[in-house]
Amino acid sequence: MSDGEKDTPARSARQWVVVRGTSMDLRVGAGILSEFPSILRSAAGRPHACALVHEAAAPEEAVRVLHDNLCDQGFRVSALPLGEVGCNLSEVERLSTMLRDARITADDIVLAVGGLETLSVASFACSSWCGGTRLAEVPLDLESAVVAATTPRALDAAGLERILAQEATARYTMIDLDLVDFDPASEETRLAFALMVQTAMCDSDRAFGKLWDAADDLAAGDVAALVTQLQETLKGRGRISSATSAALRQSLEFGTTFADALVSVTGGAVSRSTALADGMRFASRLGVAQETLSIDDMLAVDEVLERLGLPTTSVPVDADALAARIREERFLRSSRFMLAVPRALGRVRLAVMTDELIEEHTGAWCASRPQP
C-alpha cells in the first residue's frame, strides 16, 4: 500500500433504514468511528449536550475517540459509564438517573456504545426520556449490529425474560467493523448469519436471493460482502418491524420459539446460533407438513444455512421435554398456539399448531440426534 493510500480516510457506506414513523441513518465500514461525531453535529444543528453511554466492555480507545471528536464538534459531553449491564427496568431507571444528572433533554443526543443489552436499555430509556431523546448507537458485536437498531431486545420483568417489548428508537447507527469480531467460525458471527437468514426469509424472495448469492463470500470472511449484507439486512429488518401489518411484524419470530425451547431443555449445551438455525429448519419442515412450503424451498433454507457454516444440533434432546417447552414458550406470550412458519422463500406467517403435529415433528427431529 502506498503512503497516499495509507492517508486516505476510511469511507462509510450509507443506508437509510425505515423504522416506525421515521427513518434511521445507518453507516457501515471499517475504521469509520471518528466520523460519527461530525455526522451527529450535522444532524443536531447547533450542538447541545451529548451523553456518551458506554458499557464496561467498550474499548477505551473507541470511547476516547468519540469523546474527543464530540467535544471538537462543539458538544457538551457527559461520559456515562454503565459498567456491567442487565436488560431490565432497574437498568433503565439507573440510566435515567444518569441522564437526569447530566441534564440531558429532548434537544440533546444520547450516544450508546455497547452490545445488545446496553443498546436495548438505552433504546427503552430514550424512547420516553423528556418525551423522546435522539439515540445514536455504536454496536460492539455482530448480533447487536444486526438487530439492536431495528428490533431492540425486550426487557426482563416479573421474573420473565424478554417480556417487555419495545419499538426501535435509534436514529443513527455506526457499525465500525474494526470494533466487531468478523470471524466466520466464531459464535458471534454465526449468530449474525442466522439472523440474516431469518430476516431474509421474512422479507422477500429478492432479499433471500441476495443473501443466497452472498453466502459463500460471507462464509469466506469477505468484508465487502459483509458491509453490503448488513445494509440489506437492517433495511429489511426495519421494514418488517415497522410494518402496519401485525402478521408481517410477527414473522420475525421465525425460528425463535424453537431456539428458546432448545437452549432451555439442553441447559445451554446448544449455542444460540445453532439453536436458531435448527429452529428455522424445524419451522420449514412444519411448512412442508402443512403444505404451505415446497420441498425445494425447504431444501434451499437448509442449503443457505449450511453454506454459512451453521451446523445442526449434535447433542441428544428429549422429545417430550422439547415439545412441552415449545408450548410453554408460546403460551407465555399468546393464548393461541401458533408458530412462525414459512409459506415461501421470503414469506413467513404465524400458523396454528396442533399438539399432535408438534409431537410428531419434535419426535422425528430428536430421533435424528445422537442418542444418550
Protein backbone atom coordinates (compact mmCIF):
# COMPACT_ATOMS: atom_id res chain seq x y z
CA MET A 1 0.00 0.00 0.00
CA SER A 2 1.39 3.43 -0.91
CA ASP A 3 1.75 6.29 1.59
CA GLY A 4 -1.05 8.11 -0.20
CA GLU A 5 -3.36 5.14 0.25
CA LYS A 6 -2.48 4.93 3.95
CA ASP A 7 -3.50 8.57 4.45
CA THR A 8 -6.84 8.16 2.66
CA PRO A 9 -9.63 8.40 5.26
CA ALA A 10 -11.99 5.48 5.60
CA ARG A 11 -15.35 5.94 3.93
CA SER A 12 -18.61 4.59 5.26
CA ALA A 13 -21.42 3.10 3.22
CA ARG A 14 -24.68 4.89 3.95
CA GLN A 15 -28.18 3.42 4.05
CA TRP A 16 -31.49 4.90 5.14
CA VAL A 17 -33.48 2.36 7.16
CA VAL A 18 -37.23 2.72 7.66
CA VAL A 19 -38.33 2.41 11.29
CA ARG A 20 -41.72 3.12 12.87
CA GLY A 21 -42.78 6.65 11.94
CA THR A 22 -39.38 7.83 10.70
CA SER A 23 -36.04 6.61 9.32
CA MET A 24 -32.60 5.79 10.66
CA ASP A 25 -29.27 6.89 9.21
CA LEU A 26 -27.04 3.78 9.00
CA ARG A 27 -23.29 3.94 8.32
CA VAL A 28 -21.19 0.80 7.82
CA GLY A 29 -17.46 0.43 7.18
CA ALA A 30 -14.06 -0.24 8.70
CA GLY A 31 -12.15 2.45 10.58
CA ILE A 32 -15.01 4.95 10.35
CA LEU A 33 -15.68 5.66 14.04
CA SER A 34 -14.08 9.11 14.09
CA GLU A 35 -16.52 10.47 11.51
CA PHE A 36 -19.61 9.74 13.63
CA PRO A 37 -19.45 12.93 15.76
CA SER A 38 -19.43 15.13 12.65
CA ILE A 39 -22.49 13.24 11.36
CA LEU A 40 -24.24 13.87 14.67
CA ARG A 41 -23.18 17.53 14.54
CA SER A 42 -24.82 17.91 11.13
CA ALA A 43 -27.97 16.23 12.40
CA ALA A 44 -28.16 18.26 15.59
CA GLY A 45 -27.64 21.66 14.03
CA ARG A 46 -26.42 23.84 16.86
CA PRO A 47 -24.72 21.38 19.22
CA HIS A 48 -26.24 20.87 22.63
CA ALA A 49 -25.33 18.18 25.11
CA CYS A 50 -24.39 14.59 24.31
CA ALA A 51 -24.47 11.74 26.80
CA LEU A 52 -21.79 9.23 25.86
CA VAL A 53 -23.13 5.99 27.38
CA HIS A 54 -20.79 3.00 27.31
CA GLU A 55 -20.57 -0.41 28.91
CA ALA A 56 -17.53 -1.89 30.63
CA ALA A 57 -16.57 -3.93 27.55
CA ALA A 58 -16.32 -0.87 25.31
CA PRO A 59 -12.70 -0.32 24.15
CA GLU A 60 -11.18 2.65 25.94
CA GLU A 61 -9.66 3.96 22.72
CA ALA A 62 -13.02 3.94 20.93
CA VAL A 63 -14.68 5.82 23.80
CA ARG A 64 -11.84 8.34 23.85
CA VAL A 65 -12.05 8.94 20.07
CA LEU A 66 -15.77 9.54 20.29
CA HIS A 67 -15.44 11.79 23.34
CA ASP A 68 -12.69 13.95 21.85
CA ASN A 69 -14.37 14.28 18.45
CA LEU A 70 -17.73 15.14 20.03
CA CYS A 71 -16.01 17.90 22.00
CA ASP A 72 -14.31 19.13 18.83
CA GLN A 73 -17.74 19.34 17.19
CA GLY A 74 -18.99 21.62 19.96
CA PHE A 75 -21.00 19.19 22.07
CA ARG A 76 -21.06 19.39 25.86
CA VAL A 77 -20.14 15.75 26.52
CA SER A 78 -21.04 13.77 29.62
CA ALA A 79 -19.37 10.36 29.80
CA LEU A 80 -21.74 7.87 31.44
CA PRO A 81 -20.05 4.51 32.11
CA LEU A 82 -22.63 1.81 32.80
CA GLY A 83 -20.30 -0.99 33.87
CA GLU A 84 -21.94 -4.41 33.71
CA VAL A 85 -25.43 -4.10 32.25
CA GLY A 86 -28.54 -6.22 32.59
CA CYS A 87 -31.63 -5.69 30.47
CA ASN A 88 -34.46 -4.76 32.80
CA LEU A 89 -36.35 -1.81 34.23
CA SER A 90 -33.81 -1.37 37.01
CA GLU A 91 -31.13 -0.67 34.40
CA VAL A 92 -33.47 1.74 32.59
CA GLU A 93 -34.02 3.55 35.90
CA ARG A 94 -30.26 3.67 36.54
CA LEU A 95 -29.60 5.15 33.11
CA SER A 96 -32.48 7.60 33.51
CA THR A 97 -30.92 8.84 36.73
CA MET A 98 -27.63 9.37 34.93
CA LEU A 99 -29.38 11.28 32.14
CA ARG A 100 -31.05 13.48 34.76
CA ASP A 101 -27.76 14.22 36.48
CA ALA A 102 -26.17 15.05 33.11
CA ARG A 103 -29.11 17.40 32.35
CA ILE A 104 -29.96 15.66 29.08
CA THR A 105 -33.13 16.96 27.41
CA ALA A 106 -35.14 16.25 24.27
CA ASP A 107 -32.88 18.68 22.37
CA ASP A 108 -29.78 16.61 23.10
CA ILE A 109 -28.33 13.30 21.87
CA VAL A 110 -27.54 10.06 23.65
CA LEU A 111 -24.70 8.10 22.03
CA ALA A 112 -24.65 4.49 23.29
CA VAL A 113 -21.65 2.19 22.78
CA GLY A 114 -22.09 -1.48 23.64
CA GLY A 115 -23.71 -4.81 22.98
CA LEU A 116 -27.35 -5.74 22.59
CA GLU A 117 -28.36 -5.32 26.24
CA THR A 118 -26.72 -1.91 26.62
CA LEU A 119 -28.21 -0.62 23.37
CA SER A 120 -31.64 -2.02 24.25
CA VAL A 121 -31.63 -0.37 27.68
CA ALA A 122 -30.63 2.93 26.05
CA SER A 123 -33.39 2.48 23.46
CA PHE A 124 -36.05 1.94 26.13
CA ALA A 125 -34.87 4.93 28.16
CA CYS A 126 -34.55 7.31 25.21
CA SER A 127 -37.97 6.44 23.81
CA SER A 128 -39.63 8.26 26.72
CA TRP A 129 -36.98 10.48 28.28
CA CYS A 130 -38.31 14.05 28.03
CA GLY A 131 -40.90 12.78 25.57
CA GLY A 132 -38.23 11.24 23.36
CA THR A 133 -34.50 11.90 23.06
CA ARG A 134 -32.45 11.16 19.96
CA LEU A 135 -30.39 7.98 20.22
CA ALA A 136 -27.25 7.12 18.28
CA GLU A 137 -25.68 3.67 18.53
CA VAL A 138 -22.28 2.08 18.09
CA PRO A 139 -22.66 -1.72 18.38
CA LEU A 140 -19.69 -3.75 19.59
CA ASP A 141 -20.64 -7.16 18.18
CA LEU A 142 -22.33 -8.50 15.08
CA GLU A 143 -25.51 -9.65 16.81
CA SER A 144 -26.24 -6.15 18.09
CA ALA A 145 -25.16 -4.73 14.71
CA VAL A 146 -27.88 -6.79 13.03
CA VAL A 147 -30.77 -6.41 15.47
CA ALA A 148 -30.30 -3.65 18.08
CA ALA A 149 -31.23 -0.64 15.98
CA THR A 150 -34.40 -2.06 14.41
CA THR A 151 -35.52 -4.75 16.87
CA PRO A 152 -34.04 -3.96 20.30
CA ARG A 153 -34.15 -6.73 22.88
CA ALA A 154 -37.28 -6.87 25.03
CA LEU A 155 -36.64 -6.17 28.72
CA ASP A 156 -36.84 -8.74 31.51
CA ALA A 157 -39.59 -8.17 34.07
CA ALA A 158 -41.72 -10.04 36.63
CA GLY A 159 -39.28 -12.93 36.65
CA LEU A 160 -39.68 -13.46 32.89
CA GLU A 161 -37.05 -12.92 30.20
CA ARG A 162 -37.66 -10.68 27.18
CA ILE A 163 -41.25 -9.83 28.14
CA LEU A 164 -41.44 -6.01 27.82
CA ALA A 165 -41.23 -5.49 24.07
CA GLN A 166 -40.23 -2.17 22.56
CA GLU A 167 -40.11 -0.45 19.20
CA ALA A 168 -36.93 0.89 17.60
CA THR A 169 -35.66 4.21 18.93
CA ALA A 170 -32.22 4.67 17.33
CA ARG A 171 -31.99 7.40 14.68
CA TYR A 172 -28.30 6.98 13.87
CA THR A 173 -26.20 3.81 13.83
CA MET A 174 -22.49 3.49 13.11
CA ILE A 175 -21.19 -0.05 12.53
CA ASP A 176 -17.40 0.15 12.54
CA LEU A 177 -16.11 -3.28 11.55
CA ASP A 178 -12.87 -2.59 13.42
CA LEU A 179 -14.90 -2.88 16.64
CA VAL A 180 -16.67 -6.18 15.90
CA ASP A 181 -15.31 -9.70 15.52
CA PHE A 182 -15.87 -10.87 11.95
CA ASP A 183 -14.60 -14.43 12.16
CA PRO A 184 -16.94 -16.75 10.22
CA ALA A 185 -16.03 -19.59 12.60
CA SER A 186 -16.97 -17.66 15.76
CA GLU A 187 -20.30 -17.98 17.58
CA GLU A 188 -20.84 -14.23 17.30
CA THR A 189 -20.58 -14.26 13.52
CA ARG A 190 -22.61 -17.45 13.13
CA LEU A 191 -25.43 -15.94 15.18
CA ALA A 192 -25.35 -12.85 12.96
CA PHE A 193 -25.52 -15.11 9.89
CA ALA A 194 -28.53 -16.95 11.34
CA LEU A 195 -30.27 -13.62 11.99
CA MET A 196 -29.55 -12.58 8.40
CA VAL A 197 -31.26 -15.75 7.15
CA GLN A 198 -34.19 -15.14 9.48
CA THR A 199 -34.58 -11.58 8.21
CA ALA A 200 -34.33 -12.53 4.53
CA MET A 201 -36.89 -15.30 4.95
CA CYS A 202 -39.34 -12.81 6.47
CA ASP A 203 -38.58 -10.02 4.00
CA SER A 204 -38.94 -11.14 0.37
CA ASP A 205 -37.75 -13.68 -2.18
CA ARG A 206 -35.49 -10.95 -3.57
CA ALA A 207 -33.87 -10.48 -0.15
CA PHE A 208 -33.39 -14.22 0.17
CA GLY A 209 -31.85 -14.34 -3.30
CA LYS A 210 -29.34 -11.63 -2.41
CA LEU A 211 -28.30 -13.49 0.73
CA TRP A 212 -28.06 -16.73 -1.26
CA ASP A 213 -25.70 -15.05 -3.73
CA ALA A 214 -23.58 -13.55 -0.93
CA ALA A 215 -23.43 -16.66 1.30
CA ASP A 216 -20.13 -18.06 0.03
CA ASP A 217 -18.39 -14.69 0.27
CA LEU A 218 -19.71 -14.13 3.79
CA ALA A 219 -18.57 -17.58 4.88
CA ALA A 220 -15.13 -16.82 3.45
CA GLY A 221 -14.85 -13.65 5.55
CA ASP A 222 -15.25 -11.12 2.72
CA VAL A 223 -15.58 -7.71 4.41
CA ALA A 224 -17.12 -6.02 1.36
CA ALA A 225 -19.81 -8.70 1.27
CA LEU A 226 -20.48 -8.14 4.98
CA VAL A 227 -20.87 -4.38 4.53
CA THR A 228 -23.41 -4.90 1.75
CA GLN A 229 -25.31 -7.62 3.61
CA LEU A 230 -25.51 -5.60 6.82
CA GLN A 231 -27.15 -2.80 4.87
CA GLU A 232 -29.57 -5.22 3.23
CA THR A 233 -30.41 -6.97 6.50
CA LEU A 234 -31.03 -3.82 8.51
CA LYS A 235 -33.06 -2.32 5.69
CA GLY A 236 -35.22 -5.45 5.58
CA ARG A 237 -35.48 -5.82 9.35
CA GLY A 238 -36.51 -2.19 9.71
CA ARG A 239 -39.17 -2.57 7.04
CA ILE A 240 -40.60 -5.70 8.70
CA SER A 241 -40.56 -4.39 12.29
CA SER A 242 -42.23 -1.10 11.29
CA ALA A 243 -44.90 -2.65 9.03
CA THR A 244 -48.52 -1.72 9.67
CA SER A 245 -49.40 -5.41 9.30
CA ALA A 246 -49.12 -7.27 12.60
CA ALA A 247 -48.78 -10.53 10.64
CA LEU A 248 -45.63 -9.22 8.96
CA ARG A 249 -44.13 -7.93 12.22
CA GLN A 250 -44.79 -11.27 13.92
CA SER A 251 -42.94 -13.12 11.18
CA LEU A 252 -39.65 -12.19 12.88
CA GLU A 253 -40.48 -14.90 15.42
CA PHE A 254 -39.36 -17.36 12.72
CA GLY A 255 -37.22 -19.98 14.46
CA THR A 256 -37.05 -18.18 17.82
CA THR A 257 -39.58 -20.20 19.85
CA PHE A 258 -37.91 -23.48 18.94
CA ALA A 259 -34.48 -21.93 19.61
CA ASP A 260 -35.50 -20.69 23.08
CA ALA A 261 -37.00 -24.08 23.91
CA LEU A 262 -33.96 -25.99 22.67
CA VAL A 263 -31.49 -23.86 24.63
CA SER A 264 -33.64 -24.30 27.73
CA VAL A 265 -34.05 -28.09 27.61
CA THR A 266 -30.36 -28.67 26.84
CA GLY A 267 -29.19 -26.42 29.67
CA GLY A 268 -27.30 -24.18 27.27
CA ALA A 269 -25.34 -27.05 25.70
CA VAL A 270 -26.53 -25.85 22.27
CA SER A 271 -25.24 -22.48 21.07
CA ARG A 272 -27.71 -19.75 20.21
CA SER A 273 -26.64 -19.73 16.55
CA THR A 274 -27.16 -23.48 16.17
CA ALA A 275 -30.48 -23.33 18.02
CA LEU A 276 -31.82 -20.55 15.80
CA ALA A 277 -30.63 -22.33 12.65
CA ASP A 278 -32.36 -25.53 13.78
CA GLY A 279 -35.45 -23.51 14.67
CA MET A 280 -35.65 -22.33 11.07
CA ARG A 281 -35.05 -25.86 9.75
CA PHE A 282 -37.78 -27.17 12.06
CA ALA A 283 -40.28 -24.47 11.05
CA SER A 284 -39.55 -25.11 7.37
CA ARG A 285 -40.45 -28.76 7.83
CA LEU A 286 -43.67 -27.73 9.54
CA GLY A 287 -44.40 -25.62 6.47
CA VAL A 288 -43.94 -28.65 4.23
CA ALA A 289 -46.15 -30.75 6.52
CA GLN A 290 -48.89 -28.11 6.31
CA GLU A 291 -48.44 -27.96 2.52
CA THR A 292 -47.64 -24.24 2.56
CA LEU A 293 -43.95 -24.62 1.63
CA SER A 294 -42.44 -26.62 -1.20
CA ILE A 295 -39.77 -29.21 -0.53
CA ASP A 296 -37.43 -27.33 -2.87
CA ASP A 297 -37.79 -24.16 -0.78
CA MET A 298 -37.22 -26.15 2.41
CA LEU A 299 -34.00 -27.54 0.93
CA ALA A 300 -32.97 -24.02 -0.09
CA VAL A 301 -33.24 -22.91 3.56
CA ASP A 302 -31.15 -25.93 4.59
CA GLU A 303 -28.52 -25.16 1.99
CA VAL A 304 -28.06 -21.47 2.75
CA LEU A 305 -27.67 -22.31 6.46
CA GLU A 306 -25.10 -24.97 5.61
CA ARG A 307 -23.18 -22.66 3.28
CA LEU A 308 -23.00 -20.06 6.06
CA GLY A 309 -21.44 -22.64 8.37
CA LEU A 310 -24.46 -23.12 10.65
CA PRO A 311 -24.48 -26.75 11.83
CA THR A 312 -27.35 -28.72 13.29
CA THR A 313 -27.55 -29.76 16.94
CA SER A 314 -25.30 -32.69 17.80
CA VAL A 315 -26.41 -33.40 21.39
CA PRO A 316 -29.24 -35.73 22.46
CA VAL A 317 -32.56 -33.99 23.13
CA ASP A 318 -35.64 -35.36 24.90
CA ALA A 319 -38.59 -35.06 22.52
CA ASP A 320 -41.30 -34.80 25.18
CA ALA A 321 -39.41 -32.09 27.07
CA LEU A 322 -38.78 -30.13 23.86
CA ALA A 323 -42.43 -30.27 22.77
CA ALA A 324 -43.59 -29.21 26.23
CA ARG A 325 -41.12 -26.34 26.33
CA ILE A 326 -42.21 -25.10 22.89
CA ARG A 327 -45.79 -24.93 24.14
CA GLU A 328 -44.71 -23.13 27.32
CA GLU A 329 -42.75 -20.54 25.34
CA ARG A 330 -45.73 -19.76 23.13
CA PHE A 331 -48.29 -19.59 25.92
CA LEU A 332 -46.13 -17.12 27.85
CA ARG A 333 -46.86 -14.53 25.17
CA SER A 334 -50.08 -15.66 23.50
CA SER A 335 -53.22 -17.63 24.31
CA ARG A 336 -53.06 -19.21 20.86
CA PHE A 337 -50.64 -21.98 19.96
CA MET A 338 -49.11 -20.59 16.77
CA LEU A 339 -45.60 -20.71 15.30
CA ALA A 340 -43.99 -18.65 12.55
CA VAL A 341 -43.90 -20.96 9.52
CA PRO A 342 -42.62 -20.15 6.01
CA ARG A 343 -45.06 -20.25 3.11
CA ALA A 344 -42.37 -19.47 0.54
CA LEU A 345 -38.87 -18.04 0.40
CA GLY A 346 -39.26 -14.53 1.77
CA ARG A 347 -42.74 -15.07 3.22
CA VAL A 348 -43.35 -16.22 6.82
CA ARG A 349 -46.61 -16.11 8.76
CA LEU A 350 -47.95 -17.44 12.06
CA ALA A 351 -49.75 -20.77 11.66
CA VAL A 352 -51.94 -22.68 14.11
CA MET A 353 -50.22 -25.74 15.57
CA THR A 354 -51.78 -28.88 17.00
CA ASP A 355 -50.23 -30.87 19.81
CA GLU A 356 -50.13 -33.90 17.53
CA LEU A 357 -48.20 -32.06 14.82
CA ILE A 358 -45.62 -30.68 17.26
CA GLU A 359 -45.17 -34.02 18.98
CA GLU A 360 -44.72 -35.80 15.65
CA HIS A 361 -42.10 -33.35 14.41
CA THR A 362 -40.19 -32.96 17.68
CA GLY A 363 -40.13 -36.75 17.93
CA ALA A 364 -38.72 -37.11 14.41
CA TRP A 365 -36.23 -34.27 14.94
CA CYS A 366 -34.96 -35.63 18.27
CA ALA A 367 -34.74 -39.18 16.86
CA SER A 368 -32.26 -37.88 14.29
CA ARG A 369 -29.93 -36.58 17.05
CA PRO A 370 -27.30 -38.74 18.78
CA GLN A 371 -28.96 -40.90 21.42
CA PRO A 372 -27.75 -40.93 25.06
